PDB file of N, CA and C in Angstrom:
ATOM      1  N   MET A   1     128.428  71.500  70.953  1.00  0.00           N
ATOM      2  CA  MET A   1     128.926  72.399  70.258  1.00  0.00           C
ATOM      3  C   MET A   1     127.874  73.309  69.806  1.00  0.00           C
ATOM      4  N   ALA A   2     127.724  74.547  69.961  1.00  0.00           N
ATOM      5  CA  ALA A   2     126.689  75.397  69.307  1.00  0.00           C
ATOM      6  C   ALA A   2     126.777  75.716  67.912  1.00  0.00           C
ATOM      7  N   THR A   3     125.572  75.658  67.309  1.00  0.00           N
ATOM      8  CA  THR A   3     125.507  75.986  65.965  1.00  0.00           C
ATOM      9  C   THR A   3     125.091  77.373  65.608  1.00  0.00           C
ATOM     10  N   PRO A   4     125.273  77.904  64.465  1.00  0.00           N
ATOM     11  CA  PRO A   4     124.671  79.292  64.300  1.00  0.00           C
ATOM     12  C   PRO A   4     123.154  79.391  64.511  1.00  0.00           C
ATOM     13  N   ALA A   5     122.470  78.228  63.984  1.00  0.00           N
ATOM     14  CA  ALA A   5     121.001  78.248  64.234  1.00  0.00           C
ATOM     15  C   ALA A   5     120.582  78.177  65.752  1.00  0.00           C
ATOM     16  N   SER A   6     121.383  77.493  66.491  1.00  0.00           N
ATOM     17  CA  SER A   6     121.100  77.479  67.993  1.00  0.00           C
ATOM     18  C   SER A   6     121.443  78.714  68.651  1.00  0.00           C
ATOM     19  N   ASP A   7     122.513  79.332  68.222  1.00  0.00           N
ATOM     20  CA  ASP A   7     123.084  80.659  68.650  1.00  0.00           C
ATOM     21  C   ASP A   7     121.787  81.672  68.484  1.00  0.00           C
ATOM     22  N   THR A   8     121.178  81.620  67.511  1.00  0.00           N
ATOM     23  CA  THR A   8     120.120  82.501  67.084  1.00  0.00           C
ATOM     24  C   THR A   8     118.869  81.987  67.845  1.00  0.00           C
ATOM     25  N   LEU A   9     118.589  80.876  67.930  1.00  0.00           N
ATOM     26  CA  LEU A   9     117.299  80.191  68.453  1.00  0.00           C
ATOM     27  C   LEU A   9     117.204  80.465  69.929  1.00  0.00           C
ATOM     28  N   VAL A  10     118.057  80.347  70.840  1.00  0.00           N
ATOM     29  CA  VAL A  10     118.043  80.578  72.141  1.00  0.00           C
ATOM     30  C   VAL A  10     117.586  82.005  72.555  1.00  0.00           C
ATOM     31  N   PRO A  11     118.168  83.035  72.046  1.00  0.00           N
ATOM     32  CA  PRO A  11     117.708  84.303  72.236  1.00  0.00           C
ATOM     33  C   PRO A  11     116.274  84.606  71.802  1.00  0.00           C
ATOM     34  N   LEU A  12     115.858  83.894  70.746  1.00  0.00           N
ATOM     35  CA  LEU A  12     114.434  84.144  70.313  1.00  0.00           C
ATOM     36  C   LEU A  12     113.526  83.401  71.112  1.00  0.00           C
ATOM     37  N   LEU A  13     113.888  82.169  71.584  1.00  0.00           N
ATOM     38  CA  LEU A  13     113.080  81.492  72.576  1.00  0.00           C
ATOM     39  C   LEU A  13     112.935  82.358  73.863  1.00  0.00           C
ATOM     40  N   CYS A  14     114.033  82.940  74.444  1.00  0.00           N
ATOM     41  CA  CYS A  14     113.941  83.722  75.445  1.00  0.00           C
ATOM     42  C   CYS A  14     112.855  84.890  75.148  1.00  0.00           C
ATOM     43  N   ASP A  15     112.912  85.605  73.939  1.00  0.00           N
ATOM     44  CA  ASP A  15     112.086  86.621  73.708  1.00  0.00           C
ATOM     45  C   ASP A  15     110.585  86.193  73.765  1.00  0.00           C
ATOM     46  N   LEU A  16     110.338  85.024  73.131  1.00  0.00           N
ATOM     47  CA  LEU A  16     108.957  84.509  73.177  1.00  0.00           C
ATOM     48  C   LEU A  16     108.598  84.231  74.538  1.00  0.00           C
ATOM     49  N   LEU A  17     109.382  83.634  75.370  1.00  0.00           N
ATOM     50  CA  LEU A  17     109.106  83.303  76.828  1.00  0.00           C
ATOM     51  C   LEU A  17     108.809  84.600  77.486  1.00  0.00           C
ATOM     52  N   ALA A  18     109.638  85.488  77.415  1.00  0.00           N
ATOM     53  CA  ALA A  18     109.531  86.760  78.172  1.00  0.00           C
ATOM     54  C   ALA A  18     108.097  87.322  77.835  1.00  0.00           C
ATOM     55  N   TRP A  19     107.960  87.479  76.491  1.00  0.00           N
ATOM     56  CA  TRP A  19     106.654  88.026  75.961  1.00  0.00           C
ATOM     57  C   TRP A  19     105.487  87.344  76.671  1.00  0.00           C
ATOM     58  N   LEU A  20     105.436  86.078  76.775  1.00  0.00           N
ATOM     59  CA  LEU A  20     104.343  85.404  77.214  1.00  0.00           C
ATOM     60  C   LEU A  20     104.337  85.283  78.898  1.00  0.00           C
ATOM     61  N   SER A  21     105.340  85.708  79.372  1.00  0.00           N
ATOM     62  CA  SER A  21     105.365  85.337  80.886  1.00  0.00           C
ATOM     63  C   SER A  21     104.687  86.393  81.564  1.00  0.00           C
ATOM     64  N   HIS A  22     104.408  87.623  80.959  1.00  0.00           N
ATOM     65  CA  HIS A  22     103.581  88.563  81.699  1.00  0.00           C
ATOM     66  C   HIS A  22     102.064  88.265  81.883  1.00  0.00           C
ATOM     67  N   ASN A  23     101.583  87.502  80.759  1.00  0.00           N
ATOM     68  CA  ASN A  23     100.242  87.028  80.936  1.00  0.00           C
ATOM     69  C   ASN A  23      99.903  86.078  79.649  1.00  0.00           C
ATOM     70  N   ASP A  24      99.098  85.137  79.951  1.00  0.00           N
ATOM     71  CA  ASP A  24      98.654  84.400  78.651  1.00  0.00           C
ATOM     72  C   ASP A  24      98.197  85.118  77.604  1.00  0.00           C
ATOM     73  N   ARG A  25      98.292  84.672  76.440  1.00  0.00           N
ATOM     74  CA  ARG A  25      97.955  85.561  75.235  1.00  0.00           C
ATOM     75  C   ARG A  25      97.048  84.509  74.298  1.00  0.00           C
ATOM     76  N   PRO A  26      96.184  85.188  73.613  1.00  0.00           N
ATOM     77  CA  PRO A  26      95.222  84.426  72.604  1.00  0.00           C
ATOM     78  C   PRO A  26      96.207  83.722  71.555  1.00  0.00           C
ATOM     79  N   TYR A  27      95.819  82.374  71.303  1.00  0.00           N
ATOM     80  CA  TYR A  27      96.631  81.596  70.471  1.00  0.00           C
ATOM     81  C   TYR A  27      96.842  82.273  69.097  1.00  0.00           C
ATOM     82  N   ALA A  28      95.678  82.875  68.543  1.00  0.00           N
ATOM     83  CA  ALA A  28      95.881  83.625  67.320  1.00  0.00           C
ATOM     84  C   ALA A  28      96.741  84.642  67.238  1.00  0.00           C
ATOM     85  N   GLU A  29      96.899  85.399  68.282  1.00  0.00           N
ATOM     86  CA  GLU A  29      98.004  86.522  68.490  1.00  0.00           C
ATOM     87  C   GLU A  29      99.449  85.921  68.487  1.00  0.00           C
ATOM     88  N   VAL A  30      99.522  84.883  69.182  1.00  0.00           N
ATOM     89  CA  VAL A  30     100.841  84.222  69.430  1.00  0.00           C
ATOM     90  C   VAL A  30     101.227  83.662  68.045  1.00  0.00           C
ATOM     91  N   MET A  31     100.214  83.013  67.164  1.00  0.00           N
ATOM     92  CA  MET A  31     100.652  82.570  65.748  1.00  0.00           C
ATOM     93  C   MET A  31     100.925  83.687  64.760  1.00  0.00           C
ATOM     94  N   ASP A  32     100.094  84.790  64.934  1.00  0.00           N
ATOM     95  CA  ASP A  32     100.525  86.010  64.120  1.00  0.00           C
ATOM     96  C   ASP A  32     101.926  86.436  64.340  1.00  0.00           C
ATOM     97  N   ALA A  33     102.414  86.474  65.752  1.00  0.00           N
ATOM     98  CA  ALA A  33     103.532  87.151  65.971  1.00  0.00           C
ATOM     99  C   ALA A  33     104.774  86.005  65.814  1.00  0.00           C
ATOM    100  N   TRP A  34     104.498  84.707  66.119  1.00  0.00           N
ATOM    101  CA  TRP A  34     105.782  83.858  66.204  1.00  0.00           C
ATOM    102  C   TRP A  34     105.796  82.657  65.332  1.00  0.00           C
ATOM    103  N   ARG A  35     104.761  82.409  64.489  1.00  0.00           N
ATOM    104  CA  ARG A  35     104.703  81.267  63.616  1.00  0.00           C
ATOM    105  C   ARG A  35     105.560  81.574  62.533  1.00  0.00           C
ATOM    106  N   THR A  36     106.590  80.689  62.143  1.00  0.00           N
ATOM    107  CA  THR A  36     107.202  80.850  60.731  1.00  0.00           C
ATOM    108  C   THR A  36     107.409  79.675  59.848  1.00  0.00           C
ATOM    109  N   SER A  37     107.520  79.852  58.689  1.00  0.00           N
ATOM    110  CA  SER A  37     107.843  78.858  57.833  1.00  0.00           C
ATOM    111  C   SER A  37     109.167  78.608  57.343  1.00  0.00           C
ATOM    112  N   CYS A  38     110.130  79.400  58.049  1.00  0.00           N
ATOM    113  CA  CYS A  38     111.485  79.314  58.043  1.00  0.00           C
ATOM    114  C   CYS A  38     111.967  78.084  58.736  1.00  0.00           C
ATOM    115  N   PRO A  39     112.616  77.022  58.174  1.00  0.00           N
ATOM    116  CA  PRO A  39     112.926  75.772  58.899  1.00  0.00           C
ATOM    117  C   PRO A  39     114.173  76.208  59.653  1.00  0.00           C
ATOM    118  N   ARG A  40     114.932  77.189  59.483  1.00  0.00           N
ATOM    119  CA  ARG A  40     116.102  77.585  60.263  1.00  0.00           C
ATOM    120  C   ARG A  40     115.766  78.233  61.679  1.00  0.00           C
ATOM    121  N   LEU A  41     114.714  78.710  61.687  1.00  0.00           N
ATOM    122  CA  LEU A  41     114.254  79.551  62.979  1.00  0.00           C
ATOM    123  C   LEU A  41     112.900  79.098  63.391  1.00  0.00           C
ATOM    124  N   PRO A  42     112.801  77.824  63.795  1.00  0.00           N
ATOM    125  CA  PRO A  42     111.565  77.334  64.307  1.00  0.00           C
ATOM    126  C   PRO A  42     111.124  77.598  65.729  1.00  0.00           C
ATOM    127  N   VAL A  43     111.190  78.865  66.057  1.00  0.00           N
ATOM    128  CA  VAL A  43     110.929  79.247  67.546  1.00  0.00           C
ATOM    129  C   VAL A  43     109.704  78.737  68.101  1.00  0.00           C
ATOM    130  N   TRP A  44     108.567  78.878  67.489  1.00  0.00           N
ATOM    131  CA  TRP A  44     107.318  78.234  68.101  1.00  0.00           C
ATOM    132  C   TRP A  44     107.442  76.901  68.356  1.00  0.00           C
ATOM    133  N   GLU A  45     107.842  76.259  67.116  1.00  0.00           N
ATOM    134  CA  GLU A  45     107.893  74.610  67.188  1.00  0.00           C
ATOM    135  C   GLU A  45     108.872  74.202  68.265  1.00  0.00           C
ATOM    136  N   GLU A  46     109.934  74.948  68.338  1.00  0.00           N
ATOM    137  CA  GLU A  46     111.034  74.494  69.247  1.00  0.00           C
ATOM    138  C   GLU A  46     110.401  74.746  70.688  1.00  0.00           C
ATOM    139  N   ALA A  47     109.751  75.813  70.981  1.00  0.00           N
ATOM    140  CA  ALA A  47     109.224  76.158  72.305  1.00  0.00           C
ATOM    141  C   ALA A  47     108.267  75.035  72.604  1.00  0.00           C
ATOM    142  N   ASN A  48     107.409  74.565  71.675  1.00  0.00           N
ATOM    143  CA  ASN A  48     106.345  73.344  71.984  1.00  0.00           C
ATOM    144  C   ASN A  48     107.207  72.194  72.129  1.00  0.00           C
ATOM    145  N   ASP A  49     108.050  71.899  71.335  1.00  0.00           N
ATOM    146  CA  ASP A  49     108.878  70.445  71.511  1.00  0.00           C
ATOM    147  C   ASP A  49     109.585  70.453  72.809  1.00  0.00           C
ATOM    148  N   ARG A  50     110.054  71.615  73.260  1.00  0.00           N
ATOM    149  CA  ARG A  50     110.733  71.549  74.585  1.00  0.00           C
ATOM    150  C   ARG A  50     109.754  71.706  75.771  1.00  0.00           C
ATOM    151  N   GLY A  51     108.560  71.867  75.415  1.00  0.00           N
ATOM    152  CA  GLY A  51     107.495  71.887  76.531  1.00  0.00           C
ATOM    153  C   GLY A  51     107.456  73.353  77.294  1.00  0.00           C
ATOM    154  N   PHE A  52     107.909  74.267  76.623  1.00  0.00           N
ATOM    155  CA  PHE A  52     108.232  75.544  77.212  1.00  0.00           C
ATOM    156  C   PHE A  52     106.763  76.419  77.238  1.00  0.00           C
ATOM    157  N   VAL A  53     105.966  75.955  76.331  1.00  0.00           N
ATOM    158  CA  VAL A  53     104.635  76.845  76.236  1.00  0.00           C
ATOM    159  C   VAL A  53     103.521  75.603  76.202  1.00  0.00           C
ATOM    160  N   ALA A  54     102.300  76.047  76.717  1.00  0.00           N
ATOM    161  CA  ALA A  54     101.201  75.354  76.633  1.00  0.00           C
ATOM    162  C   ALA A  54      99.936  75.995  76.301  1.00  0.00           C
ATOM    163  N   ARG A  55      99.013  75.444  75.397  1.00  0.00           N
ATOM    164  CA  ARG A  55      97.741  75.934  75.037  1.00  0.00           C
ATOM    165  C   ARG A  55      96.770  75.553  75.923  1.00  0.00           C
ATOM    166  N   ASN A  56      95.998  76.523  76.386  1.00  0.00           N
ATOM    167  CA  ASN A  56      94.880  76.202  77.388  1.00  0.00           C
ATOM    168  C   ASN A  56      93.661  76.876  76.985  1.00  0.00           C
ATOM    169  N   TRP A  57      92.369  76.420  77.290  1.00  0.00           N
ATOM    170  CA  TRP A  57      91.189  77.016  76.927  1.00  0.00           C
ATOM    171  C   TRP A  57      90.674  77.736  78.274  1.00  0.00           C
ATOM    172  N   ILE A  58      90.622  79.045  78.044  1.00  0.00           N
ATOM    173  CA  ILE A  58      89.996  79.871  79.151  1.00  0.00           C
ATOM    174  C   ILE A  58      88.695  80.558  78.629  1.00  0.00           C
ATOM    175  N   ASP A  59      87.674  80.213  79.063  1.00  0.00           N
ATOM    176  CA  ASP A  59      86.384  80.918  78.841  1.00  0.00           C
ATOM    177  C   ASP A  59      86.104  80.746  77.321  1.00  0.00           C
ATOM    178  N   GLY A  60      86.430  79.633  76.945  1.00  0.00           N
ATOM    179  CA  GLY A  60      86.205  79.108  75.402  1.00  0.00           C
ATOM    180  C   GLY A  60      86.966  79.824  74.371  1.00  0.00           C
ATOM    181  N   ASN A  61      88.160  80.433  74.899  1.00  0.00           N
ATOM    182  CA  ASN A  61      89.230  80.830  73.986  1.00  0.00           C
ATOM    183  C   ASN A  61      90.572  80.159  74.195  1.00  0.00           C
ATOM    184  N   ALA A  62      91.274  79.870  73.028  1.00  0.00           N
ATOM    185  CA  ALA A  62      92.424  79.117  73.164  1.00  0.00           C
ATOM    186  C   ALA A  62      93.550  80.236  73.593  1.00  0.00           C
ATOM    187  N   MET A  63      94.361  80.028  74.684  1.00  0.00           N
ATOM    188  CA  MET A  63      95.253  80.902  75.214  1.00  0.00           C
ATOM    189  C   MET A  63      96.663  80.089  75.251  1.00  0.00           C
ATOM    190  N   VAL A  64      97.657  80.901  75.158  1.00  0.00           N
ATOM    191  CA  VAL A  64      99.096  80.241  75.291  1.00  0.00           C
ATOM    192  C   VAL A  64      99.760  80.949  76.412  1.00  0.00           C
ATOM    193  N   GLY A  65     100.387  80.079  77.221  1.00  0.00           N
ATOM    194  CA  GLY A  65     101.147  80.416  78.316  1.00  0.00           C
ATOM    195  C   GLY A  65     102.337  79.709  78.431  1.00  0.00           C
ATOM    196  N   VAL A  66     103.286  80.244  79.374  1.00  0.00           N
ATOM    197  CA  VAL A  66     104.516  79.532  79.612  1.00  0.00           C
ATOM    198  C   VAL A  66     104.356  78.638  80.645  1.00  0.00           C
ATOM    199  N   THR A  67     105.042  77.375  80.427  1.00  0.00           N
ATOM    200  CA  THR A  67     104.987  76.205  81.383  1.00  0.00           C
ATOM    201  C   THR A  67     106.085  76.527  82.421  1.00  0.00           C
ATOM    202  N   GLU A  68     106.187  75.680  83.579  1.00  0.00           N
ATOM    203  CA  GLU A  68     106.959  75.697  84.601  1.00  0.00           C
ATOM    204  C   GLU A  68     108.493  75.566  83.953  1.00  0.00           C
ATOM    205  N   ALA A  69     108.612  74.703  82.969  1.00  0.00           N
ATOM    206  CA  ALA A  69     109.880  74.272  82.230  1.00  0.00           C
ATOM    207  C   ALA A  69     110.180  75.587  81.466  1.00  0.00           C
ATOM    208  N   GLY A  70     109.482  76.320  80.797  1.00  0.00           N
ATOM    209  CA  GLY A  70     109.800  77.568  80.058  1.00  0.00           C
ATOM    210  C   GLY A  70     110.184  78.574  81.121  1.00  0.00           C
ATOM    211  N   ARG A  71     109.467  78.711  82.166  1.00  0.00           N
ATOM    212  CA  ARG A  71     110.010  79.774  83.243  1.00  0.00           C
ATOM    213  C   ARG A  71     111.408  79.466  83.827  1.00  0.00           C
ATOM    214  N   LEU A  72     111.654  78.056  83.980  1.00  0.00           N
ATOM    215  CA  LEU A  72     113.051  77.700  84.406  1.00  0.00           C
ATOM    216  C   LEU A  72     114.003  77.976  83.311  1.00  0.00           C
ATOM    217  N   PHE A  73     113.694  77.574  82.019  1.00  0.00           N
ATOM    218  CA  PHE A  73     114.787  77.890  81.029  1.00  0.00           C
ATOM    219  C   PHE A  73     114.939  79.430  80.856  1.00  0.00           C
ATOM    220  N   LEU A  74     113.963  80.244  80.989  1.00  0.00           N
ATOM    221  CA  LEU A  74     114.030  81.696  80.873  1.00  0.00           C
ATOM    222  C   LEU A  74     114.963  82.143  81.917  1.00  0.00           C
ATOM    223  N   LYS A  75     114.691  81.689  83.260  1.00  0.00           N
ATOM    224  CA  LYS A  75     115.493  82.123  84.191  1.00  0.00           C
ATOM    225  C   LYS A  75     116.922  81.737  84.208  1.00  0.00           C
ATOM    226  N   GLN A  76     117.260  80.486  83.873  1.00  0.00           N
ATOM    227  CA  GLN A  76     118.568  80.085  83.563  1.00  0.00           C
ATOM    228  C   GLN A  76     119.222  80.901  82.508  1.00  0.00           C
ATOM    229  N   GLU A  77     118.627  81.055  81.448  1.00  0.00           N
ATOM    230  CA  GLU A  77     119.299  81.944  80.213  1.00  0.00           C
ATOM    231  C   GLU A  77     119.544  83.331  80.647  1.00  0.00           C
ATOM    232  N   ARG A  78     118.484  83.839  81.390  1.00  0.00           N
ATOM    233  CA  ARG A  78     118.852  85.263  81.935  1.00  0.00           C
ATOM    234  C   ARG A  78     119.983  85.265  82.814  1.00  0.00           C
ATOM    235  N   GLY A  79     120.237  84.346  83.682  1.00  0.00           N
ATOM    236  CA  GLY A  79     121.334  84.319  84.509  1.00  0.00           C
ATOM    237  C   GLY A  79     122.741  84.038  83.807  1.00  0.00           C
ATOM    238  N   VAL A  80     122.568  83.293  82.714  1.00  0.00           N
ATOM    239  CA  VAL A  80     123.604  83.018  81.882  1.00  0.00           C
ATOM    240  C   VAL A  80     124.145  84.284  81.210  1.00  0.00           C
ATOM    241  N   ARG A  81     123.233  84.930  80.572  1.00  0.00           N
ATOM    242  CA  ARG A  81     123.423  86.157  79.987  1.00  0.00           C
ATOM    243  C   ARG A  81     123.997  87.195  80.780  1.00  0.00           C
ATOM    244  N   SER A  82     123.421  87.307  82.034  1.00  0.00           N
ATOM    245  CA  SER A  82     123.902  88.463  82.924  1.00  0.00           C
ATOM    246  C   SER A  82     125.320  88.099  83.245  1.00  0.00           C
ATOM    247  N   ALA A  83     125.575  86.923  83.452  1.00  0.00           N
ATOM    248  CA  ALA A  83     127.020  86.523  83.932  1.00  0.00           C
ATOM    249  C   ALA A  83     127.959  86.824  82.942  1.00  0.00           C
ATOM    250  N   ALA A  84     127.580  86.518  81.575  1.00  0.00           N
ATOM    251  CA  ALA A  84     128.476  86.733  80.451  1.00  0.00           C
ATOM    252  C   ALA A  84     128.590  88.204  80.313  1.00  0.00           C
ATOM    253  N   ASP A  85     127.577  89.044  80.623  1.00  0.00           N
ATOM    254  CA  ASP A  85     127.718  90.530  80.351  1.00  0.00           C
ATOM    255  C   ASP A  85     128.906  91.014  81.191  1.00  0.00           C
ATOM    256  N   PHE A  86     128.920  90.403  82.467  1.00  0.00           N
ATOM    257  CA  PHE A  86     129.862  91.023  83.480  1.00  0.00           C
ATOM    258  C   PHE A  86     131.390  90.509  83.244  1.00  0.00           C
ATOM    259  N   GLU A  87     131.504  89.336  82.459  1.00  0.00           N
ATOM    260  CA  GLU A  87     132.748  88.932  82.105  1.00  0.00           C
ATOM    261  C   GLU A  87     133.289  89.471  80.876  1.00  0.00           C
ATOM    262  N   ALA A  88     132.517  90.202  80.078  1.00  0.00           N
ATOM    263  CA  ALA A  88     132.906  90.667  78.827  1.00  0.00           C
ATOM    264  C   ALA A  88     133.544  92.020  79.094  1.00  0.00           C
TER     265      ALA A  88
END
């Protein structure tokens, strides 16, 4: 059963993953944009816990990118949303 928090969290996870899917971004930029202290919307923390994002070091800089699991989740969610749009 979906909860209001999970109903909000999935679209935000998709937004984060889509934002990162174009190219890796500096860790500091990701933290500025996505870290939150709100316990009800832990988007960054949830993405990490699910293994959707990974931090890598590129030329001495901490960078964040989408993992294969994150790409699969995003693809599945986009498919579910597209199908739901046609049913409405």
